[in-house]
């Protein structure tokens, strides 16, 4: 899977691959660093939250002390009330004495389950059966605190603390203690170095009991769209939320009376308690900085020790491949020994290649010289044979023998022309068929027309390159076809004789030779048929097909044969 990933163009570089595998090697260390950094961050966050909760607990010290004392007093008084509740006067005297001794409560009383309070510090009988606070306490059956805008007895803003009273595990009523709001203001607490924006207490129903600032301010600073009753699970909470005005605030909640009363402090979201120190932020960046620094050091080391020298060696190889130039300066001894050995091996290989190429060039030059000499001598021998045959033609008395000898002489001269073209051509393995046919046709035209003949000749040749094996049969085929054309064009009406020779491409890898001539109108004395037989034989050597179209007064032969891909130049004559 790794090799497939590294096969892309971007990932094929040595530096990229080394950095990739180095990153894989550093990955476990990086993950460990990230986990440790996360733990440090979590610990720092937890410490910040604990600090915020500690300040909240300190800021709510007055409320906690008063409310805890009230709940504790209610539980303690319930023991005595159970003993004296049947004597309302004695019970009321006891509660009144306790109220006067405490000096912080406006009312202390026992409310039985029927709601009729007869035992109280006010010594008055009151019916609470219809009171919503009493009904809520009866439904819950547990201690709770609630707020009253105007107390029933004191007529002041008070906090009511209700604690259930049981007898033989049966609820018989509630101890109720009324605490004036001014009581919380009169408790002296040491000043805080950093004070919250707002501090308030609330009960299990999310009802705000006390606040250090005005109720409107406390209501505005309360979290928006979040019910305070959701945080009454006797757990501490620190969270960020928006207040009623949409401003982001930090909130800290902790219970000050378990399962009954909770303190809520409001802070700016950027309070110093929640800000990570510089070491925590640096530790969070440490894994990334370590990874980047490792890659930079690895890249610089790799580039200095290997990549620079590898690029230099690559340039030397490209220079040698282009112009066969050996390196002018070699690597210094400070370069790693592996790269020095690689350069030495390259220089030895390059010198060996130069020696081998020089040897091959000498051998090829000698071969070309020998082949040129062979073609030259073959051409001279063929011309010598042609001269001997010419002497024989002049000495022959038979016209038929002269004709046969001339036909044979034309064929020999055609072969001589092929060897002459190969001798003159730089490439001994191929020949330009257009140039070759042009020379052969011109030779035949020079000796084939009688003086005063007005035959119009049209020639067109594409520069078709053939190998030496195909040049001979094509030349001989064209010679036979031109000989037949010269023979029959002489019988054409005067001033109407015409010969057309056309060599052209018939596709990307096929050629077509067309030779057409005018003939006499009417019957002509037939020949021996040897020329047609030779034409078919030469066409088979070319792997071509011959087509003949003969009409009254017109003869046309077309030969199609395979050739190498065509060139661009065209010769017209």
Protein backbone atom coordinates (compact mmCIF):
# COMPACT_ATOMS: atom_id res chain seq x y z
CA UNK A 1 0.00 0.00 0.00
CA UNK A 2 2.90 2.36 0.77
CA UNK A 3 4.57 1.74 -2.58
CA UNK A 4 1.31 2.50 -4.37
CA UNK A 5 0.94 5.74 -2.45
CA UNK A 6 4.53 6.74 -3.27
CA UNK A 7 4.15 5.99 -7.00
CA UNK A 8 2.58 9.37 -7.81
CA UNK A 9 4.56 12.11 -9.50
CA UNK A 10 4.80 14.30 -6.40
CA UNK A 11 5.90 11.44 -4.15
CA UNK A 12 8.65 10.10 -6.43
CA UNK A 13 11.28 12.56 -5.19
CA UNK A 14 13.87 11.26 -2.72
CA UNK A 15 13.43 14.20 -0.34
CA UNK A 16 9.65 13.81 -0.21
CA UNK A 17 9.92 10.08 0.42
CA UNK A 18 12.50 10.48 3.19
CA UNK A 19 10.42 13.19 4.86
CA UNK A 20 7.32 10.99 4.54
CA UNK A 21 8.95 8.01 6.23
CA UNK A 22 10.52 10.28 8.85
CA UNK A 23 7.04 11.59 9.60
CA UNK A 24 5.85 8.01 10.03
CA UNK A 25 8.76 7.35 12.40
CA UNK A 26 7.93 10.46 14.43
CA UNK A 27 4.20 9.70 14.46
CA UNK A 28 4.21 7.57 17.68
CA UNK A 29 6.28 10.18 19.50
CA UNK A 30 3.98 12.90 18.20
CA UNK A 31 0.89 11.02 19.35
CA UNK A 32 2.39 10.53 22.80
CA UNK A 33 3.25 14.23 22.95
CA UNK A 34 -0.26 15.16 21.85
CA UNK A 35 -1.82 12.90 24.49
CA UNK A 36 0.45 14.29 27.18
CA UNK A 37 -0.23 17.83 26.03
CA UNK A 38 -3.94 17.12 26.08
CA UNK A 39 -3.64 15.76 29.61
CA UNK A 40 -1.69 18.82 30.70
CA UNK A 41 -4.29 21.05 29.07
CA UNK A 42 -7.11 19.12 30.76
CA UNK A 43 -5.33 19.34 34.11
CA UNK A 44 -4.77 23.04 33.62
CA UNK A 45 -8.42 23.47 32.70
CA UNK A 46 -9.51 21.41 35.71
CA UNK A 47 -7.25 23.49 37.99
CA UNK A 48 -8.71 26.68 36.53
CA UNK A 49 -12.24 25.40 37.13
CA UNK A 50 -11.37 24.38 40.68
CA UNK A 51 -9.96 27.84 41.28
CA UNK A 52 -13.15 29.39 39.94
CA UNK A 53 -15.27 27.12 42.13
CA UNK A 54 -13.11 27.94 45.15
CA UNK A 55 -13.61 31.66 44.60
CA UNK A 56 -17.33 31.05 44.16
CA UNK A 57 -17.42 29.12 47.42
CA UNK A 58 -15.54 31.92 49.16
CA UNK A 59 -17.78 34.60 47.66
CA UNK A 60 -20.91 32.75 48.76
CA UNK A 61 -19.62 32.23 52.28
CA UNK A 62 -22.29 34.42 53.94
CA UNK A 63 -25.18 32.72 52.19
CA UNK A 64 -23.73 29.26 52.82
CA UNK A 65 -23.18 29.93 56.51
CA UNK A 66 -26.64 31.41 57.13
CA UNK A 67 -28.51 28.78 55.14
CA UNK A 68 -26.56 25.85 56.54
CA UNK A 69 -27.16 27.14 60.07
CA UNK A 70 -30.86 27.53 59.30
CA UNK A 71 -31.19 23.98 57.94
CA UNK A 72 -29.14 22.67 60.86
CA UNK A 73 -31.29 24.56 63.33
CA UNK A 74 -34.47 23.24 61.70
CA UNK A 75 -33.23 19.65 62.00
CA UNK A 76 -32.21 20.18 65.64
CA UNK A 77 -35.47 21.89 66.60
CA UNK A 78 -37.52 19.13 65.00
CA UNK A 79 -36.37 16.75 67.77
CA UNK A 80 -37.70 19.03 70.50
CA UNK A 81 -40.85 19.91 68.59
CA UNK A 82 -41.79 16.23 68.35
CA UNK A 83 -41.78 16.14 72.16
CA UNK A 84 -43.74 19.39 72.72
CA UNK A 85 -45.99 19.70 69.67
CA UNK A 86 -49.02 18.53 71.63
CA UNK A 87 -48.60 21.51 74.00
CA UNK A 88 -48.80 24.45 71.64
CA UNK A 89 -48.10 27.05 74.32
CA UNK A 90 -45.03 25.34 75.63
CA UNK A 91 -43.87 24.66 72.09
CA UNK A 92 -44.38 28.27 71.05
CA UNK A 93 -42.53 29.59 74.12
CA UNK A 94 -39.56 27.39 73.31
CA UNK A 95 -39.43 28.51 69.67
CA UNK A 96 -39.79 32.15 70.66
CA UNK A 97 -36.90 31.88 73.09
CA UNK A 98 -34.76 30.29 70.38
CA UNK A 99 -35.70 33.02 67.85
CA UNK A 100 -34.80 35.78 70.33
CA UNK A 101 -31.53 34.03 71.16
CA UNK A 102 -30.50 33.60 67.51
CA UNK A 103 -31.46 37.18 66.50
CA UNK A 104 -31.28 36.39 62.74
CA UNK A 105 -34.69 34.79 62.10
CA UNK A 106 -38.01 36.53 61.77
CA UNK A 107 -40.10 33.42 62.37
CA UNK A 108 -39.54 29.89 63.64
CA UNK A 109 -42.49 27.50 63.58
CA UNK A 110 -43.77 23.98 63.13
CA UNK A 111 -46.39 23.35 60.44
CA UNK A 112 -48.13 20.00 60.75
CA UNK A 113 -49.32 18.17 57.65
CA UNK A 114 -52.79 19.73 57.98
CA UNK A 115 -51.21 23.16 57.45
CA UNK A 116 -52.42 24.71 60.73
CA UNK A 117 -49.40 26.24 62.51
CA UNK A 118 -50.03 26.57 66.25
CA UNK A 119 -46.45 26.13 67.47
CA UNK A 120 -44.40 29.15 66.39
CA UNK A 121 -42.26 31.95 67.73
CA UNK A 122 -45.10 34.41 67.03
CA UNK A 123 -47.53 32.49 69.35
CA UNK A 124 -50.22 32.95 66.71
CA UNK A 125 -52.17 30.26 64.97
CA UNK A 126 -51.97 30.42 61.13
CA UNK A 127 -53.35 28.23 58.41
CA UNK A 128 -50.86 27.36 55.63
CA UNK A 129 -52.92 24.63 54.01
CA UNK A 130 -53.58 26.87 51.00
CA UNK A 131 -50.04 28.26 50.90
CA UNK A 132 -48.17 27.31 47.67
CA UNK A 133 -44.87 26.97 49.45
CA UNK A 134 -46.36 24.56 51.99
CA UNK A 135 -48.09 22.58 49.25
CA UNK A 136 -44.77 22.31 47.33
CA UNK A 137 -43.01 21.11 50.50
CA UNK A 138 -45.70 18.48 51.05
CA UNK A 139 -45.32 17.18 47.48
CA UNK A 140 -41.55 16.90 47.77
CA UNK A 141 -41.38 15.59 51.33
CA UNK A 142 -37.81 16.86 51.63
CA UNK A 143 -36.03 19.97 52.79
CA UNK A 144 -36.10 22.98 50.56
CA UNK A 145 -35.64 26.73 50.49
CA UNK A 146 -37.92 29.21 48.79
CA UNK A 147 -38.25 32.96 48.55
CA UNK A 148 -41.19 35.14 49.60
CA UNK A 149 -41.53 38.70 48.46
CA UNK A 150 -43.47 39.52 51.66
CA UNK A 151 -43.42 37.19 54.63
CA UNK A 152 -46.82 36.21 56.07
CA UNK A 153 -45.74 37.06 59.62
CA UNK A 154 -42.84 39.52 59.21
CA UNK A 155 -44.16 41.36 56.17
CA UNK A 156 -40.61 41.55 54.80
CA UNK A 157 -38.67 39.93 51.97
CA UNK A 158 -37.63 36.60 53.44
CA UNK A 159 -36.13 33.21 52.59
CA UNK A 160 -38.18 30.30 53.92
CA UNK A 161 -36.30 27.16 54.97
CA UNK A 162 -38.46 24.04 55.32
CA UNK A 163 -37.15 20.84 56.90
CA UNK A 164 -39.39 17.74 57.17
CA UNK A 165 -40.16 16.27 60.59
CA UNK A 166 -40.63 12.51 60.84
CA UNK A 167 -41.98 10.35 63.62
CA UNK A 168 -41.57 6.62 63.25
CA UNK A 169 -40.57 7.20 59.63
CA UNK A 170 -43.83 9.03 59.01
CA UNK A 171 -43.97 12.67 57.90
CA UNK A 172 -45.79 14.70 60.54
CA UNK A 173 -44.96 18.21 59.33
CA UNK A 174 -42.23 20.74 58.58
CA UNK A 175 -40.03 23.01 60.57
CA UNK A 176 -40.16 26.43 58.92
CA UNK A 177 -37.59 29.16 59.52
CA UNK A 178 -37.98 32.57 57.95
CA UNK A 179 -34.74 34.47 57.22
CA UNK A 180 -34.92 38.17 56.30
CA UNK A 181 -32.89 39.10 53.21
CA UNK A 182 -31.10 41.76 55.25
CA UNK A 183 -29.53 38.99 57.30
CA UNK A 184 -27.26 38.01 54.40
CA UNK A 185 -26.12 41.60 53.96
CA UNK A 186 -25.15 41.98 57.60
CA UNK A 187 -22.69 39.05 57.59
CA UNK A 188 -19.12 40.31 57.34
CA UNK A 189 -16.91 38.50 54.82
CA UNK A 190 -13.29 39.24 53.85
CA UNK A 191 -13.03 41.07 50.50
CA UNK A 192 -12.07 39.12 47.37
CA UNK A 193 -9.11 40.00 45.16
CA UNK A 194 -11.19 39.14 42.08
CA UNK A 195 -14.95 39.43 42.48
CA UNK A 196 -17.52 37.91 40.10
CA UNK A 197 -19.84 40.05 38.01
CA UNK A 198 -22.76 38.64 39.92
CA UNK A 199 -23.38 36.07 42.66
CA UNK A 200 -26.73 34.45 43.34
CA UNK A 201 -28.20 31.40 45.02
CA UNK A 202 -31.09 29.27 43.76
CA UNK A 203 -33.09 26.27 44.87
CA UNK A 204 -33.85 22.95 43.16
CA UNK A 205 -36.57 24.54 41.06
CA UNK A 206 -34.11 27.09 39.65
CA UNK A 207 -35.74 29.89 41.68
CA UNK A 208 -33.27 32.65 42.61
CA UNK A 209 -33.11 33.02 46.41
CA UNK A 210 -30.47 35.68 47.01
CA UNK A 211 -28.31 37.99 44.93
CA UNK A 212 -25.59 40.43 45.81
CA UNK A 213 -26.80 42.87 43.18
CA UNK A 214 -30.26 44.04 42.19
CA UNK A 215 -32.74 41.37 41.00
CA UNK A 216 -32.82 42.91 37.52
CA UNK A 217 -29.03 42.65 37.17
CA UNK A 218 -29.08 39.09 38.48
CA UNK A 219 -31.87 38.15 36.08
CA UNK A 220 -29.96 39.65 33.11
CA UNK A 221 -26.74 37.84 34.03
CA UNK A 222 -28.46 34.46 34.28
CA UNK A 223 -27.65 32.07 31.38
CA UNK A 224 -30.02 32.42 28.45
CA UNK A 225 -32.08 29.44 27.30
CA UNK A 226 -30.73 27.26 30.14
CA UNK A 227 -32.84 26.31 33.15
CA UNK A 228 -30.91 26.50 36.43
CA UNK A 229 -32.81 23.47 37.68
CA UNK A 230 -30.75 21.35 35.24
CA UNK A 231 -27.71 21.86 37.49
CA UNK A 232 -29.28 20.63 40.77
CA UNK A 233 -27.69 17.18 40.83
CA UNK A 234 -25.37 18.03 43.69
CA UNK A 235 -22.45 18.40 41.25
CA UNK A 236 -20.18 21.28 40.46
CA UNK A 237 -20.32 22.84 37.00
CA UNK A 238 -18.24 25.35 35.07
CA UNK A 239 -19.45 26.27 31.60
CA UNK A 240 -19.56 29.07 29.04
CA UNK A 241 -22.88 30.47 27.85
CA UNK A 242 -24.53 33.73 26.82
CA UNK A 243 -26.45 35.84 29.30
CA UNK A 244 -29.85 37.31 28.62
CA UNK A 245 -28.20 40.20 26.69
CA UNK A 246 -26.28 37.83 24.42
CA UNK A 247 -22.88 38.46 26.04
CA UNK A 248 -20.64 35.45 26.59
CA UNK A 249 -20.12 34.66 30.27
CA UNK A 250 -18.41 31.98 32.35
CA UNK A 251 -20.65 30.38 35.01
CA UNK A 252 -19.59 28.41 38.10
CA UNK A 253 -22.17 26.43 40.11
CA UNK A 254 -21.67 24.47 43.32
CA UNK A 255 -24.04 23.29 46.07
CA UNK A 256 -23.85 25.15 49.34
CA UNK A 257 -26.64 23.12 50.98
CA UNK A 258 -26.72 19.63 49.44
CA UNK A 259 -29.93 18.88 47.51
CA UNK A 260 -31.42 22.25 48.48
CA UNK A 261 -29.46 25.41 47.69
CA UNK A 262 -26.83 26.17 45.05
CA UNK A 263 -24.53 29.12 44.45
CA UNK A 264 -24.01 30.59 40.95
CA UNK A 265 -21.21 33.02 40.14
CA UNK A 266 -20.98 34.93 36.83
CA UNK A 267 -17.65 35.93 35.28
CA UNK A 268 -16.31 37.46 32.12
CA UNK A 269 -15.46 34.79 29.53
CA UNK A 270 -11.82 35.98 29.54
CA UNK A 271 -11.48 35.76 33.32
CA UNK A 272 -7.85 35.02 34.33
CA UNK A 273 -8.99 31.84 36.09
CA UNK A 274 -9.81 30.22 32.72
CA UNK A 275 -6.82 31.54 30.75
CA UNK A 276 -4.09 28.99 30.10
CA UNK A 277 -0.64 30.20 31.03
CA UNK A 278 2.14 30.57 28.47
CA UNK A 279 3.66 27.19 29.34
CA UNK A 280 0.38 25.42 28.62
CA UNK A 281 0.06 27.12 25.22
CA UNK A 282 3.67 26.33 24.37
CA UNK A 283 3.23 22.71 25.38
CA UNK A 284 0.23 22.50 23.05
CA UNK A 285 2.42 23.69 20.16
CA UNK A 286 5.39 21.53 21.11
CA UNK A 287 4.47 18.40 19.05
CA UNK A 288 3.95 20.45 15.89
CA UNK A 289 7.13 22.47 16.45
CA UNK A 290 9.08 19.29 17.10
CA UNK A 291 7.74 17.67 13.92
CA UNK A 292 8.47 20.75 11.79
CA UNK A 293 11.95 21.15 13.26
CA UNK A 294 12.73 17.45 12.65
CA UNK A 295 11.62 17.67 9.02
CA UNK A 296 13.60 20.87 8.42
CA UNK A 297 16.78 19.41 9.95
CA UNK A 298 16.29 16.15 8.02
CA UNK A 299 15.72 17.99 4.74
CA UNK A 300 18.77 20.24 5.20
CA UNK A 301 20.95 17.28 6.11
CA UNK A 302 19.63 15.20 3.22
CA UNK A 303 20.04 18.06 0.77
CA UNK A 304 23.60 18.81 1.92
CA UNK A 305 24.79 15.21 2.14
CA UNK A 306 23.01 13.61 -0.81
CA UNK A 307 20.55 15.56 -2.94
CA UNK A 308 22.99 18.26 -4.10
CA UNK A 309 25.53 15.67 -5.21
CA UNK A 310 22.90 13.43 -6.78
CA UNK A 311 21.63 16.39 -8.84
CA UNK A 312 25.20 17.15 -9.91
CA UNK A 313 25.73 13.55 -10.95
CA UNK A 314 22.43 13.65 -12.85
CA UNK A 315 23.55 16.78 -14.74
CA UNK A 316 26.82 15.04 -15.64
CA UNK A 317 24.89 12.04 -17.00
CA UNK A 318 22.53 14.23 -19.05
CA UNK A 319 25.48 16.20 -20.45
CA UNK A 320 27.19 12.97 -21.43
CA UNK A 321 23.99 11.61 -23.00
CA UNK A 322 23.56 14.76 -25.13
CA UNK A 323 27.09 15.55 -26.32
CA UNK A 324 29.26 12.73 -24.93
CA UNK A 325 31.15 15.11 -22.61
CA UNK A 326 32.89 13.69 -19.55
CA UNK A 327 32.69 15.61 -16.20
CA UNK A 328 35.23 18.42 -15.92
CA UNK A 329 35.28 18.41 -12.10
CA UNK A 330 34.67 15.48 -9.80
CA UNK A 331 33.21 15.34 -6.29
CA UNK A 332 35.35 16.48 -3.36
CA UNK A 333 36.58 14.00 -0.73
CA UNK A 334 34.06 15.42 1.78
CA UNK A 335 31.20 13.89 -0.23
CA UNK A 336 29.86 10.57 1.15
CA UNK A 337 31.94 7.66 -0.14
CA UNK A 338 28.90 5.96 -1.71
CA UNK A 339 28.29 8.91 -4.03
CA UNK A 340 32.01 9.18 -4.89
CA UNK A 341 32.04 5.51 -5.88
CA UNK A 342 28.88 6.05 -7.92
CA UNK A 343 30.52 8.92 -9.82
CA UNK A 344 33.66 6.87 -10.42
CA UNK A 345 31.56 4.00 -11.77
CA UNK A 346 29.74 6.42 -14.09
CA UNK A 347 33.01 7.89 -15.42
CA UNK A 348 34.40 4.40 -16.07
CA UNK A 349 31.17 3.41 -17.81
CA UNK A 350 31.20 6.62 -19.91
CA UNK A 351 34.83 6.06 -20.97
CA UNK A 352 33.99 2.46 -21.91
CA UNK A 353 31.01 3.66 -23.96
CA UNK A 354 33.17 6.22 -25.77
CA UNK A 355 35.77 3.56 -26.62
CA UNK A 356 33.09 1.15 -27.85
CA UNK A 357 31.39 3.86 -29.92
CA UNK A 358 34.72 4.84 -31.50
CA UNK A 359 35.35 1.21 -32.39
CA UNK A 360 31.83 0.85 -33.84
CA UNK A 361 32.21 4.05 -35.86
CA UNK A 362 35.50 2.79 -37.33
CA UNK A 363 33.91 -0.53 -38.19
CA UNK A 364 30.87 1.16 -39.73
CA UNK A 365 33.07 3.51 -41.75
CA UNK A 366 35.06 0.58 -43.11
CA UNK A 367 31.83 -1.28 -43.89
CA UNK A 368 30.40 1.70 -45.77
CA UNK A 369 33.59 2.11 -47.75
CA UNK A 370 33.57 -1.54 -48.71
CA UNK A 371 29.86 -1.49 -49.65
CA UNK A 372 30.34 1.65 -51.75
CA UNK A 373 33.25 -0.01 -53.48
CA UNK A 374 31.15 -3.11 -54.13
CA UNK A 375 28.26 -1.10 -55.61
CA UNK A 376 30.72 0.94 -57.66
CA UNK A 377 32.39 -2.12 -59.13
CA UNK A 378 29.06 -3.83 -59.79
CA UNK A 379 27.88 -0.71 -61.60
CA UNK A 380 31.11 -0.62 -63.65
CA UNK A 381 30.80 -4.30 -64.51
CA UNK A 382 27.18 -3.87 -65.60
CA UNK A 383 28.15 -0.89 -67.74
CA UNK A 384 30.99 -2.97 -69.23
CA UNK A 385 28.52 -5.71 -70.07
CA UNK A 386 26.22 -3.09 -71.61
CA UNK A 387 29.11 -1.82 -73.77
CA UNK A 388 29.94 -5.33 -74.94
CA UNK A 389 26.29 -5.89 -75.79
CA UNK A 390 26.24 -2.59 -77.68
CA UNK A 391 29.18 -3.80 -79.80
CA UNK A 392 27.30 -7.03 -80.43
CA UNK A 393 24.20 -5.08 -81.51
CA UNK A 394 26.21 -3.12 -84.08
CA UNK A 395 27.72 -6.29 -85.51
CA UNK A 396 24.40 -8.21 -85.65
CA UNK A 397 22.65 -8.48 -89.02
CA UNK A 398 19.32 -9.67 -87.68
CA UNK A 399 16.88 -6.96 -86.64
CA UNK A 400 15.14 -9.36 -84.29
CA UNK A 401 18.43 -10.13 -82.52
CA UNK A 402 19.18 -6.43 -82.20
CA UNK A 403 15.78 -5.89 -80.57
CA UNK A 404 16.34 -8.69 -78.05
CA UNK A 405 19.83 -7.42 -77.21
CA UNK A 406 18.56 -3.86 -76.74
CA UNK A 407 15.87 -5.10 -74.34
CA UNK A 408 18.46 -7.02 -72.37
CA UNK A 409 20.79 -3.99 -72.41
CA UNK A 410 18.00 -1.80 -70.94
CA UNK A 411 17.53 -4.22 -68.10
CA UNK A 412 21.25 -4.28 -67.34
CA UNK A 413 21.43 -0.47 -67.38
CA UNK A 414 18.47 -0.35 -64.98
CA UNK A 415 20.39 -2.55 -62.52
CA UNK A 416 23.47 -0.37 -62.99
CA UNK A 417 21.40 2.69 -62.15
CA UNK A 418 20.29 1.04 -58.89
CA UNK A 419 23.88 0.33 -57.85
CA UNK A 420 24.92 3.85 -58.89
CA UNK A 421 22.20 5.35 -56.63
CA UNK A 422 23.27 3.18 -53.70
CA UNK A 423 26.90 4.16 -54.31
CA UNK A 424 26.08 7.87 -54.28
CA UNK A 425 23.65 7.67 -51.37
CA UNK A 426 24.96 8.27 -47.86
CA UNK A 427 22.65 5.59 -46.46
CA UNK A 428 23.64 2.37 -48.18
CA UNK A 429 20.64 0.48 -46.85
CA UNK A 430 17.97 2.60 -48.61
CA UNK A 431 17.41 4.64 -51.74
CA UNK A 432 15.00 7.34 -52.90
CA UNK A 433 12.69 5.56 -55.34
CA UNK A 434 11.61 8.86 -56.93
CA UNK A 435 15.16 9.87 -57.86
CA UNK A 436 16.00 6.34 -58.99
CA UNK A 437 12.98 6.00 -61.29
CA UNK A 438 13.61 9.46 -62.71
CA UNK A 439 17.11 8.47 -63.81
CA UNK A 440 15.97 5.14 -65.26
CA UNK A 441 13.07 6.70 -67.17
CA UNK A 442 15.27 9.46 -68.56
CA UNK A 443 17.80 6.89 -69.81
CA UNK A 444 15.05 4.95 -71.56
CA UNK A 445 13.54 8.10 -73.04
CA UNK A 446 16.94 9.23 -74.33
CA UNK A 447 17.40 6.08 -76.42
CA UNK A 448 13.78 5.14 -77.04
CA UNK A 449 12.49 8.12 -79.10
CA UNK A 450 13.25 8.44 -82.74
CA UNK A 451 14.28 11.87 -84.04
CA UNK A 452 11.28 14.11 -84.68
CA UNK A 453 8.84 12.26 -82.46
CA UNK A 454 6.41 14.54 -80.65
CA UNK A 455 5.50 12.39 -77.70
CA UNK A 456 4.49 14.31 -74.57
CA UNK A 457 5.99 12.87 -71.37
CA UNK A 458 4.60 13.72 -67.90
CA UNK A 459 6.49 12.60 -64.77
CA UNK A 460 5.65 12.92 -61.05
CA UNK A 461 7.53 11.26 -58.19
CA UNK A 462 6.99 11.29 -54.45
CA UNK A 463 10.18 10.88 -52.37
CA UNK A 464 9.51 7.29 -51.33
CA UNK A 465 12.38 5.69 -49.44
CA UNK A 466 12.89 1.99 -50.21
CA UNK A 467 15.44 -0.50 -48.95
CA UNK A 468 18.00 -1.88 -51.36
CA UNK A 469 16.17 -5.20 -51.77
CA UNK A 470 13.03 -3.47 -53.12
CA UNK A 471 14.87 -0.93 -55.28
CA UNK A 472 16.06 -3.49 -57.87
CA UNK A 473 12.68 -5.13 -58.64
CA UNK A 474 10.95 -1.73 -58.74
CA UNK A 475 13.53 -0.38 -61.20
CA UNK A 476 13.34 -3.44 -63.43
CA UNK A 477 9.53 -3.34 -63.30
CA UNK A 478 9.50 0.31 -64.33
CA UNK A 479 12.07 -0.41 -67.09
CA UNK A 480 9.92 -3.19 -68.56
CA UNK A 481 6.79 -1.03 -68.36
CA UNK A 482 8.54 1.96 -69.99
CA UNK A 483 9.94 -0.27 -72.74
CA UNK A 484 6.42 -1.47 -73.53
CA UNK A 485 5.12 2.11 -73.39
CA UNK A 486 7.82 3.33 -75.83
CA UNK A 487 7.04 0.43 -78.12
CA UNK A 488 3.31 1.06 -78.36
CA UNK A 489 3.32 4.87 -78.20
CA UNK A 490 5.17 4.88 -81.51
CA UNK A 491 2.03 3.48 -83.19
CA UNK A 492 -0.15 6.31 -81.89
CA UNK A 493 -1.42 9.00 -84.29
CA UNK A 494 1.12 11.69 -85.04
CA UNK A 495 1.41 14.50 -82.49
CA UNK A 496 -0.97 12.64 -80.13
CA UNK A 497 1.49 10.34 -78.35
CA UNK A 498 1.63 10.69 -74.59
CA UNK A 499 3.36 8.86 -71.73
CA UNK A 500 2.54 9.42 -68.06
CA UNK A 501 4.72 8.15 -65.20
CA UNK A 502 3.45 8.73 -61.64
CA UNK A 503 4.92 7.39 -58.37
CA UNK A 504 2.91 8.47 -55.33
CA UNK A 505 1.70 7.40 -51.94
CA UNK A 506 -1.60 5.49 -51.82
CA UNK A 507 -1.92 5.67 -48.06
CA UNK A 508 0.37 6.08 -45.06
CA UNK A 509 2.35 2.90 -45.84
CA UNK A 510 1.53 2.03 -49.47
CA UNK A 511 2.69 3.40 -52.82
CA UNK A 512 1.33 3.34 -56.36
CA UNK A 513 3.28 3.29 -59.63
CA UNK A 514 1.22 4.34 -62.65
CA UNK A 515 2.53 4.14 -66.21
CA UNK A 516 0.12 5.07 -69.01
CA UNK A 517 0.60 5.59 -72.74
CA UNK A 518 -1.41 6.12 -75.89
CA UNK A 519 -1.57 3.30 -78.48
CA UNK A 520 -2.70 2.87 -82.05
CA UNK A 521 -6.37 2.70 -82.78
CA UNK A 522 -6.97 -0.77 -84.10
CA UNK A 523 -5.05 -4.04 -83.90
CA UNK A 524 -1.33 -4.06 -83.14
CA UNK A 525 1.10 -6.88 -83.73
CA UNK A 526 1.39 -8.69 -80.36
CA UNK A 527 4.75 -9.19 -78.66
CA UNK A 528 6.31 -12.21 -77.09
CA UNK A 529 4.73 -11.56 -73.64
CA UNK A 530 8.08 -11.73 -71.84
CA UNK A 531 7.77 -8.14 -70.60
CA UNK A 532 4.39 -8.81 -68.99
CA UNK A 533 5.74 -11.96 -67.37
CA UNK A 534 8.72 -10.07 -65.92
CA UNK A 535 6.45 -7.28 -64.66
CA UNK A 536 4.31 -9.77 -62.73
CA UNK A 537 7.43 -11.44 -61.32
CA UNK A 538 8.92 -8.14 -60.17
CA UNK A 539 5.54 -7.11 -58.64
CA UNK A 540 5.50 -10.32 -56.61
CA UNK A 541 8.96 -9.48 -55.26
CA UNK A 542 7.53 -6.13 -54.14
CA UNK A 543 4.47 -7.86 -52.57
CA UNK A 544 2.37 -5.71 -54.88
CA UNK A 545 -0.65 -6.11 -57.15
CA UNK A 546 -0.76 -5.22 -60.83
CA UNK A 547 -3.86 -3.80 -62.49
CA UNK A 548 -4.09 -3.16 -66.27
CA UNK A 549 -6.71 -0.97 -67.87
CA UNK A 550 -6.60 -1.14 -71.66
CA UNK A 551 -9.02 0.72 -73.94
CA UNK A 552 -8.97 1.64 -77.60
CA UNK A 553 -6.06 4.06 -77.93
CA UNK A 554 -5.05 4.05 -74.21
CA UNK A 555 -3.07 1.62 -72.05
CA UNK A 556 -2.61 2.03 -68.28
CA UNK A 557 -0.78 -0.16 -65.75
CA UNK A 558 -1.01 0.40 -61.98
CA UNK A 559 1.14 -1.36 -59.38
CA UNK A 560 0.31 -1.02 -55.62
CA UNK A 561 2.95 -2.16 -53.12
CA UNK A 562 3.85 -1.57 -49.41
CA UNK A 563 6.45 1.04 -48.44
CA UNK A 564 7.71 2.77 -45.24
CA UNK A 565 5.73 5.83 -43.96
CA UNK A 566 5.73 8.73 -46.40
CA UNK A 567 7.89 11.86 -46.38
CA UNK A 568 6.87 15.43 -47.10
CA UNK A 569 8.78 16.40 -50.26
CA UNK A 570 7.32 15.84 -53.75
CA UNK A 571 9.22 15.90 -57.07
CA UNK A 572 7.50 17.05 -60.27
CA UNK A 573 9.29 16.79 -63.66
